[in-house]
C-alpha atoms as a PDB file:
ATOM      1  CA  UNK A   1      33.204  69.136 -12.867  1.00  0.00           C
ATOM      2  CA  UNK A   2      32.932  67.196 -16.138  1.00  0.00           C
ATOM      3  CA  UNK A   3      30.730  64.598 -14.434  1.00  0.00           C
ATOM      4  CA  UNK A   4      28.332  67.320 -13.293  1.00  0.00           C
ATOM      5  CA  UNK A   5      28.145  68.766 -16.806  1.00  0.00           C
ATOM      6  CA  UNK A   6      27.402  65.343 -18.280  1.00  0.00           C
ATOM      7  CA  UNK A   7      24.696  64.699 -15.676  1.00  0.00           C
ATOM      8  CA  UNK A   8      23.114  68.158 -16.050  1.00  0.00           C
ATOM      9  CA  UNK A   9      20.776  67.260 -18.980  1.00  0.00           C
ATOM     10  CA  UNK A  10      19.470  64.221 -17.112  1.00  0.00           C
ATOM     11  CA  UNK A  11      18.913  66.216 -13.937  1.00  0.00           C
ATOM     12  CA  UNK A  12      17.091  68.891 -15.942  1.00  0.00           C
ATOM     13  CA  UNK A  13      14.945  66.214 -17.586  1.00  0.00           C
ATOM     14  CA  UNK A  14      14.049  64.723 -14.192  1.00  0.00           C
ATOM     15  CA  UNK A  15      13.124  68.108 -12.768  1.00  0.00           C
ATOM     16  CA  UNK A  16      10.914  69.094 -15.719  1.00  0.00           C
ATOM     17  CA  UNK A  17       9.193  65.794 -16.402  1.00  0.00           C
ATOM     18  CA  UNK A  18       9.159  64.099 -12.972  1.00  0.00           C
ATOM     19  CA  UNK A  19       9.520  66.569 -10.110  1.00  0.00           C
ATOM     20  CA  UNK A  20       7.387  69.390 -11.558  1.00  0.00           C
ATOM     21  CA  UNK A  21       4.439  67.098 -12.452  1.00  0.00           C
ATOM     22  CA  UNK A  22       4.556  65.539  -8.965  1.00  0.00           C
ATOM     23  CA  UNK A  23       4.474  68.985  -7.367  1.00  0.00           C
ATOM     24  CA  UNK A  24       1.525  69.964  -9.585  1.00  0.00           C
ATOM     25  CA  UNK A  25      -0.395  66.816  -8.641  1.00  0.00           C
ATOM     26  CA  UNK A  26       0.192  67.477  -4.936  1.00  0.00           C
ATOM     27  CA  UNK A  27      -0.799  71.144  -5.357  1.00  0.00           C
ATOM     28  CA  UNK A  28      -4.126  70.407  -7.049  1.00  0.00           C
ATOM     29  CA  UNK A  29      -4.862  67.533  -4.641  1.00  0.00           C
ATOM     30  CA  UNK A  30      -4.614  69.806  -1.585  1.00  0.00           C
ATOM     31  CA  UNK A  31      -6.275  72.938  -2.990  1.00  0.00           C
ATOM     32  CA  UNK A  32      -9.758  73.849  -4.135  1.00  0.00           C
ATOM     33  CA  UNK A  33     -10.771  75.560  -7.364  1.00  0.00           C
ATOM     34  CA  UNK A  34      -9.822  78.919  -5.865  1.00  0.00           C
ATOM     35  CA  UNK A  35      -6.359  77.734  -4.822  1.00  0.00           C
ATOM     36  CA  UNK A  36      -7.180  77.528  -1.110  1.00  0.00           C
ATOM     37  CA  UNK A  37      -5.776  74.670   0.986  1.00  0.00           C
ATOM     38  CA  UNK A  38      -8.269  71.867   1.616  1.00  0.00           C
ATOM     39  CA  UNK A  39      -8.349  68.168   2.459  1.00  0.00           C
ATOM     40  CA  UNK A  40     -11.828  67.653   1.025  1.00  0.00           C
ATOM     41  CA  UNK A  41     -10.706  66.088  -2.239  1.00  0.00           C
ATOM     42  CA  UNK A  42      -8.295  63.694  -0.547  1.00  0.00           C
ATOM     43  CA  UNK A  43     -11.040  62.622   1.880  1.00  0.00           C
ATOM     44  CA  UNK A  44     -13.476  62.195  -1.038  1.00  0.00           C
ATOM     45  CA  UNK A  45     -11.193  59.511  -2.469  1.00  0.00           C
ATOM     46  CA  UNK A  46     -12.501  57.129   0.219  1.00  0.00           C
ATOM     47  CA  UNK A  47     -15.826  56.810  -1.611  1.00  0.00           C
ATOM     48  CA  UNK A  48     -13.983  55.087  -4.466  1.00  0.00           C
ATOM     49  CA  UNK A  49     -12.535  52.349  -2.252  1.00  0.00           C
ATOM     50  CA  UNK A  50     -14.322  49.528  -4.170  1.00  0.00           C
ATOM     51  CA  UNK A  51     -12.695  50.714  -7.408  1.00  0.00           C
ATOM     52  CA  UNK A  52      -9.266  50.800  -5.734  1.00  0.00           C
ATOM     53  CA  UNK A  53      -9.796  47.275  -4.385  1.00  0.00           C
ATOM     54  CA  UNK A  54     -10.920  45.984  -7.789  1.00  0.00           C
ATOM     55  CA  UNK A  55      -7.940  47.623  -9.520  1.00  0.00           C
ATOM     56  CA  UNK A  56      -5.429  46.204  -7.042  1.00  0.00           C
ATOM     57  CA  UNK A  57      -7.031  42.766  -7.199  1.00  0.00           C
ATOM     58  CA  UNK A  58      -7.069  42.538 -11.011  1.00  0.00           C
ATOM     59  CA  UNK A  59      -3.520  43.934 -11.225  1.00  0.00           C
ATOM     60  CA  UNK A  60      -2.325  41.328  -8.705  1.00  0.00           C
ATOM     61  CA  UNK A  61      -4.018  38.509 -10.643  1.00  0.00           C
ATOM     62  CA  UNK A  62      -2.449  39.692 -13.902  1.00  0.00           C
ATOM     63  CA  UNK A  63       0.970  40.009 -12.229  1.00  0.00           C
ATOM     64  CA  UNK A  64       0.804  36.487 -10.769  1.00  0.00           C
ATOM     65  CA  UNK A  65      -0.266  35.002 -14.118  1.00  0.00           C
ATOM     66  CA  UNK A  66       2.571  36.831 -15.876  1.00  0.00           C
ATOM     67  CA  UNK A  67       5.041  35.485 -13.301  1.00  0.00           C
ATOM     68  CA  UNK A  68       3.767  31.909 -13.598  1.00  0.00           C
ATOM     69  CA  UNK A  69       4.126  32.047 -17.387  1.00  0.00           C
ATOM     70  CA  UNK A  70       7.294  34.127 -17.606  1.00  0.00           C
ATOM     71  CA  UNK A  71       9.502  32.357 -15.066  1.00  0.00           C
ATOM     72  CA  UNK A  72       9.593  28.883 -16.662  1.00  0.00           C
ATOM     73  CA  UNK A  73       9.803  30.506 -20.095  1.00  0.00           C
ATOM     74  CA  UNK A  74      12.848  32.526 -19.039  1.00  0.00           C
ATOM     75  CA  UNK A  75      14.400  29.363 -17.566  1.00  0.00           C
ATOM     76  CA  UNK A  76      13.830  27.519 -20.844  1.00  0.00           C
ATOM     77  CA  UNK A  77      15.360  30.413 -22.769  1.00  0.00           C
ATOM     78  CA  UNK A  78      18.672  30.330 -20.889  1.00  0.00           C
ATOM     79  CA  UNK A  79      19.032  26.629 -21.730  1.00  0.00           C
ATOM     80  CA  UNK A  80      18.858  27.314 -25.464  1.00  0.00           C
ATOM     81  CA  UNK A  81      21.699  28.084 -27.842  1.00  0.00           C
ATOM     82  CA  UNK A  82      22.660  31.772 -28.110  1.00  0.00           C
ATOM     83  CA  UNK A  83      21.276  32.091 -31.634  1.00  0.00           C
ATOM     84  CA  UNK A  84      17.979  30.506 -30.592  1.00  0.00           C
ATOM     85  CA  UNK A  85      17.800  32.784 -27.531  1.00  0.00           C
ATOM     86  CA  UNK A  86      18.028  35.837 -29.766  1.00  0.00           C
ATOM     87  CA  UNK A  87      15.249  34.519 -31.997  1.00  0.00           C
ATOM     88  CA  UNK A  88      12.970  33.722 -29.060  1.00  0.00           C
ATOM     89  CA  UNK A  89      13.599  37.110 -27.454  1.00  0.00           C
ATOM     90  CA  UNK A  90      12.657  38.787 -30.726  1.00  0.00           C
ATOM     91  CA  UNK A  91       9.398  36.795 -30.755  1.00  0.00           C
ATOM     92  CA  UNK A  92       8.706  37.898 -27.170  1.00  0.00           C
ATOM     93  CA  UNK A  93       9.263  41.544 -28.057  1.00  0.00           C
ATOM     94  CA  UNK A  94       7.539  41.391 -31.447  1.00  0.00           C
ATOM     95  CA  UNK A  95       4.047  42.362 -30.157  1.00  0.00           C
ATOM     96  CA  UNK A  96       5.584  45.437 -28.503  1.00  0.00           C
ATOM     97  CA  UNK A  97       6.484  46.772 -31.952  1.00  0.00           C
ATOM     98  CA  UNK A  98       2.768  47.104 -32.671  1.00  0.00           C
ATOM     99  CA  UNK A  99       0.667  49.969 -31.344  1.00  0.00           C
ATOM    100  CA  UNK A 100      -0.775  49.275 -27.872  1.00  0.00           C
ATOM    101  CA  UNK A 101      -4.256  50.343 -29.010  1.00  0.00           C
ATOM    102  CA  UNK A 102      -4.218  48.048 -32.021  1.00  0.00           C
ATOM    103  CA  UNK A 103      -3.177  45.076 -29.899  1.00  0.00           C
ATOM    104  CA  UNK A 104      -6.116  45.678 -27.598  1.00  0.00           C
ATOM    105  CA  UNK A 105      -8.499  46.110 -30.528  1.00  0.00           C
ATOM    106  CA  UNK A 106      -7.350  42.729 -31.805  1.00  0.00           C
ATOM    107  CA  UNK A 107      -8.495  41.092 -28.574  1.00  0.00           C
ATOM    108  CA  UNK A 108     -11.901  42.778 -28.928  1.00  0.00           C
ATOM    109  CA  UNK A 109     -12.243  41.043 -32.292  1.00  0.00           C
ATOM    110  CA  UNK A 110     -11.171  37.701 -30.849  1.00  0.00           C
ATOM    111  CA  UNK A 111     -13.334  37.803 -27.715  1.00  0.00           C
ATOM    112  CA  UNK A 112     -16.542  39.294 -29.147  1.00  0.00           C
ATOM    113  CA  UNK A 113     -19.804  37.354 -29.196  1.00  0.00           C
ATOM    114  CA  UNK A 114     -19.335  36.907 -32.942  1.00  0.00           C
ATOM    115  CA  UNK A 115     -15.569  36.863 -32.690  1.00  0.00           C
ATOM    116  CA  UNK A 116     -13.101  34.265 -33.879  1.00  0.00           C
ATOM    117  CA  UNK A 117     -13.020  32.252 -30.633  1.00  0.00           C
ATOM    118  CA  UNK A 118     -16.814  31.956 -30.341  1.00  0.00           C
ATOM    119  CA  UNK A 119     -17.023  31.137 -34.058  1.00  0.00           C
ATOM    120  CA  UNK A 120     -14.600  28.252 -33.562  1.00  0.00           C
ATOM    121  CA  UNK A 121     -16.589  27.090 -30.532  1.00  0.00           C
ATOM    122  CA  UNK A 122     -19.732  27.120 -32.680  1.00  0.00           C
ATOM    123  CA  UNK A 123     -18.090  24.792 -35.197  1.00  0.00           C
ATOM    124  CA  UNK A 124     -17.713  22.132 -32.496  1.00  0.00           C
ATOM    125  CA  UNK A 125     -21.267  22.599 -31.238  1.00  0.00           C
ATOM    126  CA  UNK A 126     -20.649  24.780 -28.192  1.00  0.00           C
ATOM    127  CA  UNK A 127     -22.709  27.823 -27.301  1.00  0.00           C
ATOM    128  CA  UNK A 128     -21.026  31.249 -27.481  1.00  0.00           C
ATOM    129  CA  UNK A 129     -19.461  32.405 -24.224  1.00  0.00           C
ATOM    130  CA  UNK A 130     -19.576  35.971 -22.998  1.00  0.00           C
ATOM    131  CA  UNK A 131     -15.880  36.781 -22.861  1.00  0.00           C
ATOM    132  CA  UNK A 132     -15.796  40.441 -23.815  1.00  0.00           C
ATOM    133  CA  UNK A 133     -16.778  43.107 -21.245  1.00  0.00           C
ATOM    134  CA  UNK A 134     -15.770  40.911 -18.304  1.00  0.00           C
ATOM    135  CA  UNK A 135     -13.064  41.085 -15.642  1.00  0.00           C
ATOM    136  CA  UNK A 136     -11.461  38.021 -17.231  1.00  0.00           C
ATOM    137  CA  UNK A 137     -11.059  39.902 -20.507  1.00  0.00           C
ATOM    138  CA  UNK A 138      -9.431  42.811 -18.673  1.00  0.00           C
ATOM    139  CA  UNK A 139      -6.951  40.471 -16.955  1.00  0.00           C
ATOM    140  CA  UNK A 140      -6.232  38.751 -20.277  1.00  0.00           C
ATOM    141  CA  UNK A 141      -5.503  42.120 -21.875  1.00  0.00           C
ATOM    142  CA  UNK A 142      -3.159  43.027 -19.034  1.00  0.00           C
ATOM    143  CA  UNK A 143      -1.298  39.722 -19.250  1.00  0.00           C
ATOM    144  CA  UNK A 144      -0.931  39.898 -23.017  1.00  0.00           C
ATOM    145  CA  UNK A 145       0.305  43.490 -23.067  1.00  0.00           C
ATOM    146  CA  UNK A 146       2.605  43.372 -20.036  1.00  0.00           C
ATOM    147  CA  UNK A 147       4.076  39.859 -19.983  1.00  0.00           C
ATOM    148  CA  UNK A 148       7.216  40.912 -21.943  1.00  0.00           C
ATOM    149  CA  UNK A 149       8.022  43.219 -19.015  1.00  0.00           C
ATOM    150  CA  UNK A 150       8.072  40.140 -16.781  1.00  0.00           C
ATOM    151  CA  UNK A 151      10.020  37.853 -19.103  1.00  0.00           C
ATOM    152  CA  UNK A 152      12.857  40.229 -19.980  1.00  0.00           C
ATOM    153  CA  UNK A 153      14.107  41.196 -16.481  1.00  0.00           C
ATOM    154  CA  UNK A 154      13.905  37.597 -15.251  1.00  0.00           C
ATOM    155  CA  UNK A 155      15.798  36.394 -18.308  1.00  0.00           C
ATOM    156  CA  UNK A 156      18.376  39.180 -17.931  1.00  0.00           C
ATOM    157  CA  UNK A 157      19.189  38.027 -14.390  1.00  0.00           C
ATOM    158  CA  UNK A 158      19.050  34.290 -15.106  1.00  0.00           C
ATOM    159  CA  UNK A 159      21.392  34.495 -18.070  1.00  0.00           C
ATOM    160  CA  UNK A 160      24.080  35.990 -15.801  1.00  0.00           C
ATOM    161  CA  UNK A 161      23.997  33.069 -13.344  1.00  0.00           C
ATOM    162  CA  UNK A 162      27.369  31.353 -13.488  1.00  0.00           C
ATOM    163  CA  UNK A 163      27.044  27.828 -14.898  1.00  0.00           C
ATOM    164  CA  UNK A 164      29.694  26.653 -12.446  1.00  0.00           C
ATOM    165  CA  UNK A 165      27.301  27.435  -9.586  1.00  0.00           C
ATOM    166  CA  UNK A 166      24.734  25.047 -11.071  1.00  0.00           C
ATOM    167  CA  UNK A 167      27.425  22.418 -11.637  1.00  0.00           C
ATOM    168  CA  UNK A 168      28.571  22.790  -8.017  1.00  0.00           C
ATOM    169  CA  UNK A 169      25.001  22.289  -6.817  1.00  0.00           C
ATOM    170  CA  UNK A 170      24.762  19.103  -8.886  1.00  0.00           C
ATOM    171  CA  UNK A 171      28.107  17.871  -7.518  1.00  0.00           C
ATOM    172  CA  UNK A 172      26.827  18.425  -3.973  1.00  0.00           C
ATOM    173  CA  UNK A 173      23.841  16.178  -4.615  1.00  0.00           C
ATOM    174  CA  UNK A 174      21.111  18.596  -5.705  1.00  0.00           C
ATOM    175  CA  UNK A 175      18.700  17.261  -8.289  1.00  0.00           C
ATOM    176  CA  UNK A 176      17.011  19.531 -10.838  1.00  0.00           C
ATOM    177  CA  UNK A 177      14.173  20.473  -8.476  1.00  0.00           C
ATOM    178  CA  UNK A 178      16.472  21.334  -5.565  1.00  0.00           C
ATOM    179  CA  UNK A 179      18.812  23.259  -7.855  1.00  0.00           C
ATOM    180  CA  UNK A 180      15.874  25.334  -9.060  1.00  0.00           C
ATOM    181  CA  UNK A 181      14.485  26.003  -5.580  1.00  0.00           C
ATOM    182  CA  UNK A 182      17.747  26.537  -3.684  1.00  0.00           C
ATOM    183  CA  UNK A 183      20.036  28.062  -6.304  1.00  0.00           C
ATOM    184  CA  UNK A 184      18.331  29.433  -9.410  1.00  0.00           C
ATOM    185  CA  UNK A 185      15.254  30.938  -7.771  1.00  0.00           C
ATOM    186  CA  UNK A 186      17.101  32.837  -4.993  1.00  0.00           C
ATOM    187  CA  UNK A 187      19.645  34.179  -7.478  1.00  0.00           C
ATOM    188  CA  UNK A 188      16.893  35.254  -9.890  1.00  0.00           C
ATOM    189  CA  UNK A 189      14.827  37.114  -7.280  1.00  0.00           C
ATOM    190  CA  UNK A 190      16.097  40.588  -8.310  1.00  0.00           C
ATOM    191  CA  UNK A 191      14.723  39.946 -11.806  1.00  0.00           C
ATOM    192  CA  UNK A 192      11.463  38.630 -10.376  1.00  0.00           C
ATOM    193  CA  UNK A 193      11.018  41.747  -8.241  1.00  0.00           C
ATOM    194  CA  UNK A 194      11.804  44.006 -11.182  1.00  0.00           C
ATOM    195  CA  UNK A 195       9.322  42.121 -13.338  1.00  0.00           C
ATOM    196  CA  UNK A 196       6.600  42.311 -10.698  1.00  0.00           C
ATOM    197  CA  UNK A 197       7.085  46.053 -10.415  1.00  0.00           C
ATOM    198  CA  UNK A 198       7.141  46.588 -14.180  1.00  0.00           C
ATOM    199  CA  UNK A 199       3.882  44.641 -14.621  1.00  0.00           C
ATOM    200  CA  UNK A 200       1.963  45.689 -11.514  1.00  0.00           C
ATOM    201  CA  UNK A 201       2.465  49.460 -11.858  1.00  0.00           C
ATOM    202  CA  UNK A 202       1.031  49.833 -15.395  1.00  0.00           C
ATOM    203  CA  UNK A 203      -1.631  47.181 -14.725  1.00  0.00           C
ATOM    204  CA  UNK A 204      -3.067  48.988 -11.711  1.00  0.00           C
ATOM    205  CA  UNK A 205      -3.230  52.321 -13.553  1.00  0.00           C
ATOM    206  CA  UNK A 206      -4.392  51.197 -17.002  1.00  0.00           C
ATOM    207  CA  UNK A 207      -7.566  52.605 -18.497  1.00  0.00           C
ATOM    208  CA  UNK A 208      -7.431  51.682 -22.199  1.00  0.00           C
ATOM    209  CA  UNK A 209      -7.580  47.926 -21.501  1.00  0.00           C
ATOM    210  CA  UNK A 210     -10.408  48.192 -18.975  1.00  0.00           C
ATOM    211  CA  UNK A 211     -12.396  50.511 -21.238  1.00  0.00           C
ATOM    212  CA  UNK A 212     -12.037  48.423 -24.399  1.00  0.00           C
ATOM    213  CA  UNK A 213     -12.141  44.901 -22.970  1.00  0.00           C
ATOM    214  CA  UNK A 214     -14.179  45.667 -19.844  1.00  0.00           C
ATOM    215  CA  UNK A 215     -16.839  47.649 -21.660  1.00  0.00           C
ATOM    216  CA  UNK A 216     -16.957  50.409 -19.072  1.00  0.00           C
ATOM    217  CA  UNK A 217     -18.616  48.085 -16.579  1.00  0.00           C
ATOM    218  CA  UNK A 218     -15.319  47.187 -14.911  1.00  0.00           C
ATOM    219  CA  UNK A 219     -14.165  50.653 -13.852  1.00  0.00           C
ATOM    220  CA  UNK A 220     -10.557  50.828 -12.657  1.00  0.00           C
ATOM    221  CA  UNK A 221      -8.510  53.600 -11.072  1.00  0.00           C
ATOM    222  CA  UNK A 222      -7.089  54.663 -14.423  1.00  0.00           C
ATOM    223  CA  UNK A 223     -10.598  55.091 -15.832  1.00  0.00           C
ATOM    224  CA  UNK A 224     -11.605  57.117 -12.799  1.00  0.00           C
ATOM    225  CA  UNK A 225      -8.618  59.467 -13.129  1.00  0.00           C
ATOM    226  CA  UNK A 226      -9.186  59.841 -16.872  1.00  0.00           C
ATOM    227  CA  UNK A 227     -12.831  60.758 -16.262  1.00  0.00           C
ATOM    228  CA  UNK A 228     -11.828  63.523 -13.848  1.00  0.00           C
ATOM    229  CA  UNK A 229      -9.274  65.064 -16.215  1.00  0.00           C
ATOM    230  CA  UNK A 230     -10.824  64.470 -19.636  1.00  0.00           C
ATOM    231  CA  UNK A 231     -14.375  63.240 -19.080  1.00  0.00           C
ATOM    232  CA  UNK A 232     -17.651  65.014 -18.406  1.00  0.00           C
ATOM    233  CA  UNK A 233     -16.935  65.138 -14.681  1.00  0.00           C
ATOM    234  CA  UNK A 234     -13.841  67.325 -15.213  1.00  0.00           C
ATOM    235  CA  UNK A 235     -12.605  67.838 -11.690  1.00  0.00           C
ATOM    236  CA  UNK A 236      -8.825  68.110 -11.854  1.00  0.00           C
ATOM    237  CA  UNK A 237      -8.570  68.577  -8.090  1.00  0.00           C
ATOM    238  CA  UNK A 238     -10.302  65.276  -7.399  1.00  0.00           C
ATOM    239  CA  UNK A 239      -8.367  63.630 -10.235  1.00  0.00           C
ATOM    240  CA  UNK A 240      -5.106  64.844  -8.707  1.00  0.00           C
ATOM    241  CA  UNK A 241      -6.164  63.568  -5.274  1.00  0.00           C
ATOM    242  CA  UNK A 242      -6.961  60.118  -6.703  1.00  0.00           C
ATOM    243  CA  UNK A 243      -3.622  60.116  -8.553  1.00  0.00           C
ATOM    244  CA  UNK A 244      -1.785  61.060  -5.363  1.00  0.00           C
ATOM    245  CA  UNK A 245      -3.421  58.251  -3.382  1.00  0.00           C
ATOM    246  CA  UNK A 246      -2.618  55.810  -6.186  1.00  0.00           C
ATOM    247  CA  UNK A 247       1.041  56.900  -6.133  1.00  0.00           C
ATOM    248  CA  UNK A 248       1.175  56.357  -2.375  1.00  0.00           C
ATOM    249  CA  UNK A 249      -0.325  52.863  -2.721  1.00  0.00           C
ATOM    250  CA  UNK A 250       2.135  51.928  -5.474  1.00  0.00           C
ATOM    251  CA  UNK A 251       5.102  53.272  -3.516  1.00  0.00           C
ATOM    252  CA  UNK A 252       4.047  51.351  -0.405  1.00  0.00           C
ATOM    253  CA  UNK A 253       3.704  48.086  -2.328  1.00  0.00           C
ATOM    254  CA  UNK A 254       7.047  48.623  -4.075  1.00  0.00           C
ATOM    255  CA  UNK A 255       8.682  49.331  -0.720  1.00  0.00           C
ATOM    256  CA  UNK A 256       7.286  46.085   0.689  1.00  0.00           C
ATOM    257  CA  UNK A 257       8.534  44.097  -2.326  1.00  0.00           C
ATOM    258  CA  UNK A 258      11.960  45.705  -2.136  1.00  0.00           C
ATOM    259  CA  UNK A 259      12.125  44.807   1.542  1.00  0.00           C
ATOM    260  CA  UNK A 260      11.521  41.140   0.702  1.00  0.00           C
ATOM    261  CA  UNK A 261      14.207  41.372  -1.956  1.00  0.00           C
ATOM    262  CA  UNK A 262      16.652  42.891   0.536  1.00  0.00           C
ATOM    263  CA  UNK A 263      15.914  40.131   3.056  1.00  0.00           C
ATOM    264  CA  UNK A 264      16.624  37.477   0.418  1.00  0.00           C
ATOM    265  CA  UNK A 265      19.938  39.116  -0.492  1.00  0.00           C
ATOM    266  CA  UNK A 266      20.965  39.055   3.171  1.00  0.00           C
ATOM    267  CA  UNK A 267      20.131  35.356   3.386  1.00  0.00           C
ATOM    268  CA  UNK A 268      22.170  34.644   0.238  1.00  0.00           C
ATOM    269  CA  UNK A 269      25.176  36.515   1.638  1.00  0.00           C
END
């Protein structure tokens, strides 16, 4: 009885802020402006397939880059002294203490045609490069803003790996490369999967980064949804339908990743 009372506020929170919004999205996606059932808006989502493909592609690129950077960094962190680990983790999280919008504005200043990077290139005799308002700038913004969400879960799992397991691998003849591939990496997969999820989900649905660093020419799903709810188009039924399809895509991809994670755990057992 006490357990139920303790859990009641959390259940109420989930119902109000998770279940009710999901029901509202589904309702508006499958009804017209008069509240009548229709599949027209869901079928209209197909015309935005190129935007979905671009969003998934850029989110995947950003997620892979975050993983490539974060994994060796997390591995280096666990080899440091405890005091140094705390300092490095604070440095990793430091940008997150600043407003998301301000961080993105900073990259606009750096990547602009007259920005700091092109100014430095001019000093060494190179012509200015168009970096702002490109897909590369959007991916860079995603990586910069979301890479802490890749580093932290990987580090959290790696730091719990028993040192005796690594010593046993060395005693059995594994060099550093084999120990990494056959011991550390399989044991750290739960953190990798968590990091991939935590980076991919916000990256695929972002609209601030694509608007500010993409210049509106690199429209993503988040921009499209924002236009339907807050823009001149103002079609909440279509916006809800796009949101519903996006949720389905994300859930499918998360299910696939979790399946790989489950297979790896079976192999380890």
